[in-house]
N, C-alpha and C. Protein backbone atom coordinates (compact mmCIF):
# COMPACT_ATOMS: atom_id res chain seq x y z
N MET A 1 0.85 -1.15 -0.02
CA MET A 1 0.14 0.05 -0.13
C MET A 1 0.85 1.26 0.06
N ASN A 2 0.46 2.35 -0.57
CA ASN A 2 1.20 3.68 -0.80
C ASN A 2 1.34 4.13 0.77
N THR A 3 2.37 4.80 0.80
CA THR A 3 2.84 5.30 2.15
C THR A 3 1.90 6.54 2.48
N ILE A 4 1.29 7.32 1.48
CA ILE A 4 0.51 8.19 1.81
C ILE A 4 -0.89 7.74 2.27
N VAL A 5 -1.28 6.91 1.49
CA VAL A 5 -2.57 6.29 1.86
C VAL A 5 -2.47 5.30 3.42
N GLU A 6 -1.38 4.90 3.58
CA GLU A 6 -1.14 4.28 4.95
C GLU A 6 -1.12 5.52 6.10
N ASN A 7 -0.44 6.50 5.75
CA ASN A 7 -0.56 7.72 6.77
C ASN A 7 -2.05 8.07 7.13
N PHE A 8 -2.81 8.19 5.87
CA PHE A 8 -4.22 8.68 5.87
C PHE A 8 -4.89 7.79 6.87
N LEU A 9 -4.86 6.44 6.58
CA LEU A 9 -5.48 5.68 7.32
C LEU A 9 -5.22 5.43 8.82
N LYS A 10 -3.94 5.52 9.10
CA LYS A 10 -3.45 5.94 10.35
C LYS A 10 -4.25 7.03 11.06
N THR A 11 -4.27 8.12 10.32
CA THR A 11 -4.94 9.50 10.88
C THR A 11 -6.32 8.95 11.12
N LYS A 12 -6.98 8.46 10.24
CA LYS A 12 -8.37 8.16 10.33
C LYS A 12 -8.78 7.17 11.56
N SER A 13 -7.92 6.24 11.74
CA SER A 13 -7.92 5.49 12.92
C SER A 13 -7.86 5.97 14.06
N ILE A 14 -7.05 7.01 14.21
CA ILE A 14 -6.85 7.79 15.52
C ILE A 14 -8.08 8.53 15.85
N ILE A 15 -8.58 9.36 14.81
CA ILE A 15 -9.71 10.07 14.84
C ILE A 15 -10.92 9.31 15.19
N ASN A 16 -11.28 8.16 14.41
CA ASN A 16 -12.32 7.21 14.91
C ASN A 16 -13.60 7.64 14.85
N ASN A 17 -14.05 8.79 14.30
CA ASN A 17 -15.23 9.56 14.16
C ASN A 17 -15.69 9.70 12.74
N ASN A 18 -16.86 9.24 12.22
CA ASN A 18 -17.28 9.21 11.03
C ASN A 18 -17.93 10.65 10.64
N ASN A 19 -18.17 11.47 11.70
CA ASN A 19 -18.56 12.65 11.81
C ASN A 19 -17.50 13.82 11.55
N VAL A 20 -16.47 13.40 11.59
CA VAL A 20 -15.20 14.29 11.43
C VAL A 20 -14.71 14.00 10.06
N ASN A 21 -14.64 15.21 9.45
CA ASN A 21 -13.91 15.18 7.93
C ASN A 21 -12.44 15.65 7.87
N ILE A 22 -11.68 14.56 7.33
CA ILE A 22 -10.44 14.92 7.11
C ILE A 22 -10.05 15.46 5.76
N ILE A 23 -9.45 16.80 6.09
CA ILE A 23 -9.14 17.60 4.95
C ILE A 23 -7.72 17.37 4.80
N ALA A 24 -7.32 16.45 3.65
CA ALA A 24 -5.83 16.36 3.32
C ALA A 24 -5.32 17.75 2.79
N VAL A 25 -4.34 18.21 3.40
CA VAL A 25 -3.83 19.56 2.99
C VAL A 25 -2.81 19.39 1.99
N SER A 26 -3.03 19.56 0.81
CA SER A 26 -2.24 19.10 -0.46
C SER A 26 -1.19 20.24 -0.95
N LYS A 27 -1.35 21.39 -0.29
CA LYS A 27 -0.55 22.55 -0.54
C LYS A 27 0.82 22.26 -0.92
N THR A 28 1.43 22.65 -1.89
CA THR A 28 3.01 22.43 -2.16
C THR A 28 3.22 21.06 -2.63
N ILE A 29 2.16 19.93 -2.44
CA ILE A 29 2.36 18.65 -2.67
C ILE A 29 1.99 18.44 -4.30
N PRO A 30 3.17 17.76 -5.00
CA PRO A 30 2.81 17.64 -6.28
C PRO A 30 1.67 16.74 -6.45
N LEU A 31 1.06 16.60 -7.65
CA LEU A 31 0.01 15.83 -8.02
C LEU A 31 0.10 14.50 -7.93
N GLU A 32 1.37 13.88 -8.43
CA GLU A 32 1.56 12.46 -8.39
C GLU A 32 1.57 11.98 -6.84
N ASN A 33 1.75 12.77 -6.01
CA ASN A 33 1.77 12.21 -4.61
C ASN A 33 0.60 12.47 -4.03
N ILE A 34 -0.43 13.05 -4.61
CA ILE A 34 -1.88 13.25 -4.12
C ILE A 34 -2.68 12.37 -4.75
N LYS A 35 -2.23 11.59 -6.10
CA LYS A 35 -3.18 11.04 -6.74
C LYS A 35 -3.49 9.48 -6.01
N PRO A 36 -2.50 8.84 -5.22
CA PRO A 36 -2.86 7.69 -4.56
C PRO A 36 -4.03 7.79 -3.71
N LEU A 37 -4.06 8.99 -2.97
CA LEU A 37 -5.10 9.20 -1.91
C LEU A 37 -6.53 9.62 -2.79
N ILE A 38 -6.30 10.13 -3.97
CA ILE A 38 -7.67 10.36 -4.86
C ILE A 38 -8.03 8.81 -5.10
N ASN A 39 -7.26 8.27 -5.88
CA ASN A 39 -7.60 6.76 -6.16
C ASN A 39 -7.98 5.86 -5.05
N PHE A 40 -7.75 6.15 -3.95
CA PHE A 40 -8.21 5.32 -2.90
C PHE A 40 -9.66 5.60 -2.37
N GLY A 41 -9.97 6.87 -2.89
CA GLY A 41 -11.23 7.31 -2.81
C GLY A 41 -11.59 8.46 -1.81
N HIS A 42 -10.58 8.95 -1.34
CA HIS A 42 -10.62 10.31 -0.31
C HIS A 42 -11.08 11.29 -1.17
N THR A 43 -11.97 12.37 -0.69
CA THR A 43 -12.51 13.41 -1.41
C THR A 43 -12.24 14.90 -0.94
N HIS A 44 -11.86 15.06 0.37
CA HIS A 44 -11.71 16.22 0.54
C HIS A 44 -10.22 16.70 0.67
N PHE A 45 -9.85 17.66 0.12
CA PHE A 45 -8.48 18.24 -0.25
C PHE A 45 -8.41 19.86 0.27
N GLY A 46 -7.41 20.29 0.66
CA GLY A 46 -7.12 21.60 1.04
C GLY A 46 -5.94 22.23 0.33
N GLU A 47 -6.25 23.43 0.10
CA GLU A 47 -5.03 24.38 -0.64
C GLU A 47 -5.05 25.67 -0.16
N ASN A 48 -4.08 26.35 -0.18
CA ASN A 48 -3.79 27.59 0.37
C ASN A 48 -3.79 28.70 -0.75
N LYS A 49 -3.35 28.40 -1.81
CA LYS A 49 -3.31 29.59 -2.96
C LYS A 49 -4.20 29.08 -4.17
N VAL A 50 -5.04 29.98 -4.45
CA VAL A 50 -5.71 29.91 -5.54
C VAL A 50 -5.07 29.36 -7.10
N GLN A 51 -4.05 30.07 -7.26
CA GLN A 51 -3.33 29.89 -8.55
C GLN A 51 -2.67 28.36 -8.51
N GLU A 52 -2.20 27.80 -7.30
CA GLU A 52 -1.66 26.59 -7.36
C GLU A 52 -2.88 25.54 -7.42
N ALA A 53 -3.87 25.93 -6.89
CA ALA A 53 -5.06 24.98 -6.81
C ALA A 53 -5.77 24.93 -8.25
N GLN A 54 -5.67 26.07 -9.06
CA GLN A 54 -6.19 25.90 -10.43
C GLN A 54 -5.20 25.02 -11.24
N SER A 55 -3.87 25.17 -11.07
CA SER A 55 -2.96 24.31 -12.18
C SER A 55 -3.15 22.92 -11.61
N LYS A 56 -3.55 22.52 -10.31
CA LYS A 56 -3.45 21.13 -9.97
C LYS A 56 -4.93 20.63 -10.02
N TRP A 57 -5.88 21.06 -9.73
CA TRP A 57 -7.10 20.70 -9.41
C TRP A 57 -8.26 20.92 -10.71
N THR A 58 -8.26 21.86 -11.56
CA THR A 58 -9.11 22.08 -12.40
C THR A 58 -9.49 20.92 -13.44
N ASN A 59 -8.39 20.21 -13.84
CA ASN A 59 -8.81 18.88 -14.63
C ASN A 59 -9.54 17.99 -13.88
N ILE A 60 -8.82 17.81 -12.64
CA ILE A 60 -9.18 16.35 -11.89
C ILE A 60 -10.91 16.93 -11.23
N LYS A 61 -11.23 18.04 -11.03
CA LYS A 61 -12.25 18.27 -10.65
C LYS A 61 -13.46 18.09 -11.68
N ASN A 62 -13.01 18.28 -12.87
CA ASN A 62 -14.01 17.96 -14.05
C ASN A 62 -14.09 16.58 -14.27
N ILE A 63 -13.02 15.81 -14.01
CA ILE A 63 -13.52 14.29 -14.15
C ILE A 63 -14.03 13.69 -12.90
N ASN A 64 -13.55 14.04 -11.87
CA ASN A 64 -14.03 13.55 -10.46
C ASN A 64 -15.02 14.50 -9.68
N LYS A 65 -16.29 14.41 -9.95
CA LYS A 65 -17.12 15.33 -9.39
C LYS A 65 -17.38 15.19 -7.77
N ASN A 66 -16.69 14.17 -7.26
CA ASN A 66 -16.90 14.01 -5.61
C ASN A 66 -16.01 14.88 -5.04
N ILE A 67 -14.80 15.20 -5.75
CA ILE A 67 -13.70 15.82 -5.13
C ILE A 67 -14.20 17.28 -4.42
N LYS A 68 -14.13 17.47 -3.14
CA LYS A 68 -14.37 18.75 -2.32
C LYS A 68 -13.18 19.46 -2.17
N LEU A 69 -13.14 20.57 -2.70
CA LEU A 69 -11.82 21.28 -2.52
C LEU A 69 -12.03 22.50 -1.55
N HIS A 70 -11.21 22.61 -0.63
CA HIS A 70 -11.29 23.56 0.44
C HIS A 70 -10.12 24.68 0.35
N MET A 71 -10.45 25.86 0.38
CA MET A 71 -9.47 26.97 0.54
C MET A 71 -9.27 27.29 1.84
N ILE A 72 -7.93 26.90 2.45
CA ILE A 72 -7.85 27.20 3.88
C ILE A 72 -6.70 28.21 3.99
N GLY A 73 -6.44 28.80 3.11
CA GLY A 73 -5.35 30.07 3.19
C GLY A 73 -6.20 31.29 3.15
N LYS A 74 -5.69 32.41 3.24
CA LYS A 74 -5.93 33.83 3.23
C LYS A 74 -6.31 34.09 1.84
N LEU A 75 -7.66 34.30 1.55
CA LEU A 75 -8.32 35.09 0.14
C LEU A 75 -8.12 36.22 0.07
N GLN A 76 -7.55 36.66 -1.06
CA GLN A 76 -7.35 38.04 -1.19
C GLN A 76 -8.65 38.38 -2.22
N SER A 77 -9.14 39.59 -2.07
CA SER A 77 -10.28 39.66 -2.87
C SER A 77 -10.15 39.59 -4.20
N ASN A 78 -9.02 40.05 -4.64
CA ASN A 78 -8.78 39.77 -6.31
C ASN A 78 -8.63 38.47 -6.82
N LYS A 79 -8.79 37.48 -6.06
CA LYS A 79 -8.82 36.12 -6.24
C LYS A 79 -10.00 35.29 -6.23
N VAL A 80 -11.14 36.26 -5.74
CA VAL A 80 -12.49 35.62 -5.28
C VAL A 80 -13.21 35.01 -6.56
N LYS A 81 -13.31 35.59 -7.71
CA LYS A 81 -13.63 35.20 -8.74
C LYS A 81 -13.31 33.66 -9.20
N ALA A 82 -12.00 33.46 -9.15
CA ALA A 82 -11.41 32.31 -9.64
C ALA A 82 -11.72 31.25 -8.15
N ALA A 83 -11.63 31.47 -7.26
CA ALA A 83 -11.77 30.76 -6.08
C ALA A 83 -13.30 30.24 -5.99
N ILE A 84 -14.22 31.19 -6.40
CA ILE A 84 -15.72 30.73 -6.29
C ILE A 84 -15.78 29.62 -7.43
N LYS A 85 -15.19 29.96 -8.55
CA LYS A 85 -15.38 28.69 -9.72
C LYS A 85 -14.86 27.38 -9.30
N LEU A 86 -13.65 27.45 -8.56
CA LEU A 86 -12.97 26.12 -8.35
C LEU A 86 -13.26 25.59 -7.16
N PHE A 87 -13.35 26.35 -5.92
CA PHE A 87 -13.26 25.42 -4.56
C PHE A 87 -14.94 25.33 -4.13
N ASP A 88 -15.04 24.35 -3.25
CA ASP A 88 -16.50 24.04 -2.67
C ASP A 88 -16.59 24.73 -1.24
N TYR A 89 -15.52 24.76 -0.57
CA TYR A 89 -15.47 25.39 0.89
C TYR A 89 -14.40 26.40 0.96
N ILE A 90 -14.75 27.46 1.66
CA ILE A 90 -13.98 28.61 1.90
C ILE A 90 -13.70 28.49 3.37
N HIS A 91 -12.44 28.58 4.05
CA HIS A 91 -12.35 28.41 5.53
C HIS A 91 -11.92 29.78 5.99
N SER A 92 -11.68 30.67 5.20
CA SER A 92 -11.01 31.94 5.66
C SER A 92 -11.82 33.22 5.41
N LEU A 93 -13.04 33.20 5.73
CA LEU A 93 -13.96 34.56 5.50
C LEU A 93 -13.54 35.09 6.81
N ASP A 94 -12.87 36.59 6.26
CA ASP A 94 -12.28 37.29 7.55
C ASP A 94 -12.40 38.78 7.59
N SER A 95 -13.09 39.20 6.46
CA SER A 95 -13.62 40.78 6.30
C SER A 95 -14.84 41.14 5.71
N GLN A 96 -15.14 42.09 6.04
CA GLN A 96 -16.56 42.73 5.27
C GLN A 96 -16.16 42.92 3.80
N LYS A 97 -15.03 43.38 3.37
CA LYS A 97 -14.58 43.45 2.04
C LYS A 97 -14.75 42.31 1.34
N LEU A 98 -14.02 41.26 1.74
CA LEU A 98 -14.02 39.96 1.29
C LEU A 98 -15.53 39.30 1.32
N ALA A 99 -16.36 39.53 2.15
CA ALA A 99 -17.80 39.03 2.15
C ALA A 99 -18.58 39.67 1.18
N GLU A 100 -18.46 40.88 0.84
CA GLU A 100 -19.12 41.64 -0.33
C GLU A 100 -18.62 41.19 -1.60
N SER A 101 -17.25 40.84 -1.59
CA SER A 101 -16.76 40.43 -3.12
C SER A 101 -17.21 39.14 -3.28
N ILE A 102 -17.41 38.28 -2.19
CA ILE A 102 -17.72 36.88 -2.34
C ILE A 102 -19.34 36.94 -2.73
N SER A 103 -20.28 37.65 -2.08
CA SER A 103 -21.57 37.80 -2.41
C SER A 103 -21.69 38.22 -3.93
N LYS A 104 -20.92 39.12 -4.38
CA LYS A 104 -21.18 39.84 -5.67
C LYS A 104 -20.65 38.61 -6.71
N HIS A 105 -19.68 38.00 -6.62
CA HIS A 105 -19.15 37.04 -7.75
C HIS A 105 -20.07 35.85 -7.53
N GLU A 106 -20.45 35.50 -6.42
CA GLU A 106 -21.77 34.21 -6.20
C GLU A 106 -22.79 34.49 -7.29
N ASN A 107 -23.36 35.68 -7.10
CA ASN A 107 -24.49 36.09 -7.77
C ASN A 107 -24.30 35.86 -9.29
N LEU A 108 -22.94 36.47 -9.68
CA LEU A 108 -22.52 36.55 -11.16
C LEU A 108 -22.65 35.25 -11.54
N ILE A 109 -21.87 34.30 -10.99
CA ILE A 109 -22.01 32.94 -11.57
C ILE A 109 -22.87 32.10 -11.05
N ASN A 110 -23.73 32.29 -10.25
CA ASN A 110 -24.87 31.47 -9.50
C ASN A 110 -24.33 30.32 -9.22
N LYS A 111 -23.43 30.38 -8.25
CA LYS A 111 -22.79 29.35 -7.41
C LYS A 111 -22.86 29.60 -5.92
N LYS A 112 -23.27 28.70 -5.28
CA LYS A 112 -22.89 28.90 -3.78
C LYS A 112 -22.04 27.97 -3.03
N LEU A 113 -21.11 28.50 -2.43
CA LEU A 113 -19.99 27.83 -1.65
C LEU A 113 -20.53 27.56 -0.26
N LYS A 114 -19.57 26.78 0.44
CA LYS A 114 -19.77 26.71 1.95
C LYS A 114 -18.85 27.52 2.73
N TYR A 115 -19.09 28.07 3.62
CA TYR A 115 -18.04 29.16 4.37
C TYR A 115 -17.96 28.93 5.63
N PHE A 116 -16.53 28.89 6.07
CA PHE A 116 -16.56 29.22 7.70
C PHE A 116 -15.95 30.55 7.99
N ILE A 117 -16.48 31.31 8.73
CA ILE A 117 -15.83 32.44 9.32
C ILE A 117 -14.67 32.37 10.22
N GLN A 118 -13.54 32.85 9.75
CA GLN A 118 -12.20 32.71 10.54
C GLN A 118 -12.21 33.81 11.88
N VAL A 119 -11.98 33.23 12.99
CA VAL A 119 -12.25 33.96 14.13
C VAL A 119 -10.86 34.15 14.77
N ASN A 120 -10.33 35.21 15.08
CA ASN A 120 -9.13 35.55 15.93
C ASN A 120 -9.10 35.23 17.37
N VAL A 121 -9.32 33.83 17.71
CA VAL A 121 -9.37 33.58 18.99
C VAL A 121 -8.21 34.17 20.04
N GLY A 122 -6.92 34.24 19.37
CA GLY A 122 -5.93 34.41 20.14
C GLY A 122 -5.78 36.00 20.45
N LYS A 123 -6.59 36.68 19.66
CA LYS A 123 -6.36 38.19 19.66
C LYS A 123 -4.77 38.67 19.16
N GLU A 124 -4.37 37.70 18.05
CA GLU A 124 -2.97 37.92 17.62
C GLU A 124 -3.00 39.18 16.59
N LYS A 125 -2.28 40.28 16.68
CA LYS A 125 -2.12 41.24 15.64
C LYS A 125 -1.89 40.80 14.24
N GLN A 126 -0.92 39.61 14.34
CA GLN A 126 -0.21 39.29 12.96
C GLN A 126 -1.29 38.24 12.39
N LYS A 127 -2.36 37.75 12.88
CA LYS A 127 -3.30 36.87 12.31
C LYS A 127 -4.68 37.50 11.70
N SER A 128 -5.01 37.03 10.66
CA SER A 128 -6.26 37.55 10.26
C SER A 128 -7.41 36.90 11.08
N GLY A 129 -8.78 37.19 10.90
CA GLY A 129 -9.72 37.01 11.57
C GLY A 129 -10.66 37.72 11.95
N ILE A 130 -11.94 37.41 12.34
CA ILE A 130 -12.91 38.38 13.05
C ILE A 130 -12.58 38.34 14.59
N SER A 131 -12.66 39.55 14.96
CA SER A 131 -12.43 39.46 16.57
C SER A 131 -13.86 38.93 17.27
N ILE A 132 -13.70 38.38 18.45
CA ILE A 132 -14.79 37.76 19.13
C ILE A 132 -15.89 38.60 19.24
N ASP A 133 -15.60 39.98 19.60
CA ASP A 133 -16.56 41.04 19.84
C ASP A 133 -17.47 41.63 18.77
N LEU A 134 -16.98 41.21 17.44
CA LEU A 134 -17.38 41.58 16.38
C LEU A 134 -18.28 40.54 15.53
N LEU A 135 -18.03 39.14 16.12
CA LEU A 135 -18.39 38.09 15.58
C LEU A 135 -19.99 38.14 15.19
N ASP A 136 -20.59 38.28 16.38
CA ASP A 136 -22.23 38.45 16.11
C ASP A 136 -22.84 39.15 14.89
N ASP A 137 -22.23 40.32 14.78
CA ASP A 137 -22.69 41.32 13.97
C ASP A 137 -22.07 40.93 12.58
N PHE A 138 -21.03 40.37 12.28
CA PHE A 138 -20.32 40.05 11.18
C PHE A 138 -21.16 38.84 10.60
N PHE A 139 -21.50 37.92 11.63
CA PHE A 139 -22.44 36.66 11.08
C PHE A 139 -23.61 37.12 10.68
N TYR A 140 -24.54 38.06 11.41
CA TYR A 140 -25.57 38.42 10.84
C TYR A 140 -25.59 39.18 9.38
N TYR A 141 -24.43 39.99 9.12
CA TYR A 141 -24.30 40.69 7.99
C TYR A 141 -24.11 39.50 6.75
N CYS A 142 -23.37 38.71 7.02
CA CYS A 142 -23.01 37.93 6.00
C CYS A 142 -24.06 36.86 5.56
N SER A 143 -24.81 36.41 6.53
CA SER A 143 -25.69 35.32 6.39
C SER A 143 -27.02 35.99 6.18
N LYS A 144 -27.49 37.02 6.74
CA LYS A 144 -28.79 37.76 6.44
C LYS A 144 -28.74 38.68 5.44
N GLU A 145 -27.73 39.73 5.34
CA GLU A 145 -27.47 40.68 4.43
C GLU A 145 -27.17 40.17 2.95
N LEU A 146 -26.05 39.59 3.19
CA LEU A 146 -25.50 39.13 1.90
C LEU A 146 -25.98 37.45 1.47
N LYS A 147 -26.60 37.00 2.34
CA LYS A 147 -27.16 35.70 2.03
C LYS A 147 -25.87 34.48 1.86
N ILE A 148 -24.66 34.74 2.34
CA ILE A 148 -23.64 33.98 2.25
C ILE A 148 -23.96 32.53 3.12
N ASN A 149 -23.68 31.65 2.57
CA ASN A 149 -23.94 30.40 3.29
C ASN A 149 -22.79 29.84 4.43
N ILE A 150 -22.85 30.64 5.49
CA ILE A 150 -22.05 30.22 6.63
C ILE A 150 -22.41 28.90 7.26
N ILE A 151 -21.54 28.05 7.31
CA ILE A 151 -21.74 26.68 7.97
C ILE A 151 -21.05 26.29 9.13
N GLY A 152 -19.96 27.40 9.55
CA GLY A 152 -19.19 27.34 10.92
C GLY A 152 -18.36 28.19 11.12
N LEU A 153 -17.54 28.07 11.97
CA LEU A 153 -16.12 29.05 12.17
C LEU A 153 -15.07 28.29 12.24
N MET A 154 -13.97 28.92 11.89
CA MET A 154 -12.51 28.23 11.80
C MET A 154 -11.72 29.14 12.58
N ALA A 155 -10.52 28.35 13.16
CA ALA A 155 -9.58 29.30 13.98
C ALA A 155 -8.25 28.66 13.69
N LEU A 156 -7.17 29.51 13.89
CA LEU A 156 -5.79 28.95 13.79
C LEU A 156 -5.20 29.42 15.22
N PRO A 157 -5.52 28.70 16.30
CA PRO A 157 -5.09 29.24 17.64
C PRO A 157 -3.69 29.35 17.90
N PRO A 158 -3.21 30.30 18.91
CA PRO A 158 -1.79 30.61 19.06
C PRO A 158 -1.10 29.30 19.81
N ASN A 159 0.06 28.99 19.19
CA ASN A 159 0.96 27.92 19.64
C ASN A 159 1.62 28.16 21.09
N ASP A 160 0.66 28.35 21.91
CA ASP A 160 1.02 28.86 23.30
C ASP A 160 0.68 27.67 24.46
N GLY A 161 0.36 26.37 24.04
CA GLY A 161 0.01 25.56 24.97
C GLY A 161 -1.43 25.30 25.39
N LYS A 162 -2.20 26.40 24.99
CA LYS A 162 -3.34 26.63 25.62
C LYS A 162 -4.47 26.12 24.62
N GLU A 163 -4.19 25.38 23.80
CA GLU A 163 -5.12 25.02 22.68
C GLU A 163 -6.64 24.72 23.15
N ASN A 164 -6.53 23.83 24.21
CA ASN A 164 -7.80 23.48 24.75
C ASN A 164 -8.76 24.71 24.95
N ILE A 165 -8.16 25.73 25.67
CA ILE A 165 -8.75 27.06 25.94
C ILE A 165 -9.50 27.57 24.70
N TYR A 166 -8.80 27.72 23.82
CA TYR A 166 -9.17 28.22 22.18
C TYR A 166 -10.24 27.58 21.68
N PHE A 167 -9.79 26.21 21.59
CA PHE A 167 -10.95 25.14 21.06
C PHE A 167 -12.27 25.22 21.66
N LYS A 168 -12.32 25.51 23.10
CA LYS A 168 -13.40 25.23 23.88
C LYS A 168 -14.33 26.53 23.44
N ASN A 169 -13.54 27.59 23.48
CA ASN A 169 -14.15 29.11 23.24
C ASN A 169 -14.78 29.03 21.90
N LEU A 170 -14.07 28.42 20.79
CA LEU A 170 -14.53 28.30 19.47
C LEU A 170 -15.79 27.64 19.48
N MET A 171 -15.86 26.41 20.17
CA MET A 171 -16.91 25.38 20.21
C MET A 171 -18.19 26.42 20.48
N GLU A 172 -17.78 26.86 21.80
CA GLU A 172 -19.28 27.74 22.35
C GLU A 172 -19.74 28.89 21.43
N LEU A 173 -18.81 29.51 20.80
CA LEU A 173 -19.12 30.56 19.78
C LEU A 173 -19.93 29.94 18.74
N ASN A 174 -19.65 28.68 18.27
CA ASN A 174 -20.16 28.05 17.33
C ASN A 174 -21.66 27.76 17.66
N LYS A 175 -21.79 27.32 18.93
CA LYS A 175 -23.00 26.82 19.22
C LYS A 175 -24.04 28.20 19.41
N SER A 176 -23.36 29.22 19.77
CA SER A 176 -24.20 30.46 20.27
C SER A 176 -24.82 30.92 18.86
N LEU A 177 -24.25 30.50 17.80
CA LEU A 177 -24.74 31.09 16.46
C LEU A 177 -25.63 29.91 15.68
N GLY A 178 -25.65 28.76 16.37
CA GLY A 178 -26.36 27.75 15.82
C GLY A 178 -25.84 26.90 14.63
N LEU A 179 -24.62 27.09 14.57
CA LEU A 179 -23.86 26.49 13.52
C LEU A 179 -23.27 24.95 13.74
N LYS A 180 -23.35 24.26 12.68
CA LYS A 180 -23.17 22.84 12.90
C LYS A 180 -21.80 22.33 12.74
N GLU A 181 -21.20 23.17 11.71
CA GLU A 181 -19.79 22.63 11.59
C GLU A 181 -18.73 23.40 12.11
N LEU A 182 -17.51 22.99 12.30
CA LEU A 182 -16.51 23.64 13.08
C LEU A 182 -15.32 23.04 12.44
N SER A 183 -14.40 24.18 12.03
CA SER A 183 -13.18 23.92 11.32
C SER A 183 -11.88 24.06 12.44
N MET A 184 -11.32 23.27 12.98
CA MET A 184 -10.26 23.49 13.69
C MET A 184 -9.26 22.05 14.10
N GLY A 185 -8.33 22.36 14.11
CA GLY A 185 -7.36 21.15 14.55
C GLY A 185 -6.36 21.04 13.17
N MET A 186 -5.14 20.95 13.38
CA MET A 186 -4.23 20.55 12.13
C MET A 186 -3.34 19.32 12.74
N SER A 187 -2.36 18.89 12.10
CA SER A 187 -1.45 17.72 12.56
C SER A 187 -0.86 17.82 13.71
N ALA A 188 -0.41 18.98 14.39
CA ALA A 188 0.07 19.10 15.74
C ALA A 188 -1.07 19.12 16.60
N ASP A 189 -2.06 19.54 16.50
CA ASP A 189 -3.26 19.69 17.58
C ASP A 189 -4.58 18.91 17.28
N TYR A 190 -4.89 18.26 16.41
CA TYR A 190 -6.11 17.78 15.88
C TYR A 190 -6.69 17.06 17.27
N LYS A 191 -5.87 16.02 17.82
CA LYS A 191 -6.17 15.33 18.74
C LYS A 191 -7.06 16.14 20.01
N GLU A 192 -6.60 17.34 20.35
CA GLU A 192 -7.13 18.15 21.21
C GLU A 192 -8.40 18.74 20.68
N ALA A 193 -8.46 18.98 19.33
CA ALA A 193 -9.68 19.68 18.60
C ALA A 193 -10.78 18.56 18.78
N LEU A 194 -10.53 17.71 18.78
CA LEU A 194 -11.51 16.43 18.60
C LEU A 194 -12.34 16.33 19.98
N LYS A 195 -11.72 16.87 21.03
CA LYS A 195 -12.33 16.75 22.15
C LYS A 195 -13.50 17.91 22.24
N PHE A 196 -13.31 18.76 21.29
CA PHE A 196 -14.29 19.89 21.38
C PHE A 196 -15.16 19.94 20.11
N GLU A 197 -15.78 18.88 19.56
CA GLU A 197 -16.55 18.88 18.49
C GLU A 197 -16.23 19.20 17.27
N THR A 198 -15.01 19.41 16.92
CA THR A 198 -14.66 19.71 15.54
C THR A 198 -15.21 18.85 14.54
N THR A 199 -15.54 19.12 13.30
CA THR A 199 -16.20 18.45 12.08
C THR A 199 -15.24 18.32 11.03
N PHE A 200 -14.40 19.37 11.03
CA PHE A 200 -13.33 19.09 9.88
C PHE A 200 -11.97 19.49 10.41
N VAL A 201 -11.07 18.43 10.48
CA VAL A 201 -9.75 18.77 10.59
C VAL A 201 -8.61 19.04 9.48
N ARG A 202 -7.79 19.61 9.34
CA ARG A 202 -6.79 20.24 8.43
C ARG A 202 -5.52 19.51 8.53
N ILE A 203 -5.23 18.36 7.91
CA ILE A 203 -4.22 17.42 8.36
C ILE A 203 -3.12 17.47 6.98
N GLY A 204 -2.02 17.98 7.15
CA GLY A 204 -1.06 17.98 6.14
C GLY A 204 0.03 16.92 6.35
N SER A 205 0.85 17.50 7.11
CA SER A 205 2.19 16.58 7.34
C SER A 205 2.22 15.34 7.80
N SER A 206 1.02 14.92 8.59
CA SER A 206 0.68 13.76 9.21
C SER A 206 0.33 12.84 8.12
N ILE A 207 0.03 13.32 6.83
CA ILE A 207 -0.49 12.43 5.78
C ILE A 207 0.67 12.40 4.70
N PHE A 208 1.01 13.61 4.12
CA PHE A 208 1.81 13.84 3.36
C PHE A 208 3.62 13.76 3.60
N GLY A 209 3.57 14.00 4.91
CA GLY A 209 5.01 14.06 5.36
C GLY A 209 5.43 15.46 5.53
N ASP A 210 6.65 15.76 6.14
CA ASP A 210 7.03 17.20 6.25
C ASP A 210 7.44 17.67 4.99
N ARG A 211 7.02 18.98 4.63
CA ARG A 211 7.25 19.58 3.52
C ARG A 211 8.64 20.23 3.47
N THR A 212 9.37 20.01 2.38
CA THR A 212 10.89 20.42 2.48
C THR A 212 10.83 21.88 2.03
């Protein structure tokens, strides 16, 4: 069996929960290393950059309609049109400007994606995300005014050993908004995220190995 498929199955056995979707983070990974996982039947993949995703996934998605592509990196407003055409999920909705651009381009091509609002749970100045005190208003604006399909929240917590606190906080915020999906947990901390009802984990190095 292919090593990448073995790594995926090991991760899946650790998670051991059919309600948790594993997003295989394939950013910077060449297509020949991804294909064994596609052929195995895995469908959720994550990319950080629109241009890289276009070159790797456009043809494959035309052939394999089951593939679900997730934009997990920061999305620039000038890339929104291309992103909506290619992706199925956006995990990084983080500003009013981006939300308005998304709404405009969705209407132009008549396609609805699924979105996670990125929340800055650690109040880090260097990270994107909606601050917790503005979240209610932003969620209302996106979902009610712009009619964007918000399915959950996403966070990249600080690497300070307090992941449990941030994950618990995001879980409670998610519930307060009545949202069912939750995007949190990566290779280094997904086991902690599982304790707090995450439904999408973003796993890269544990599946594909360390990036050089």
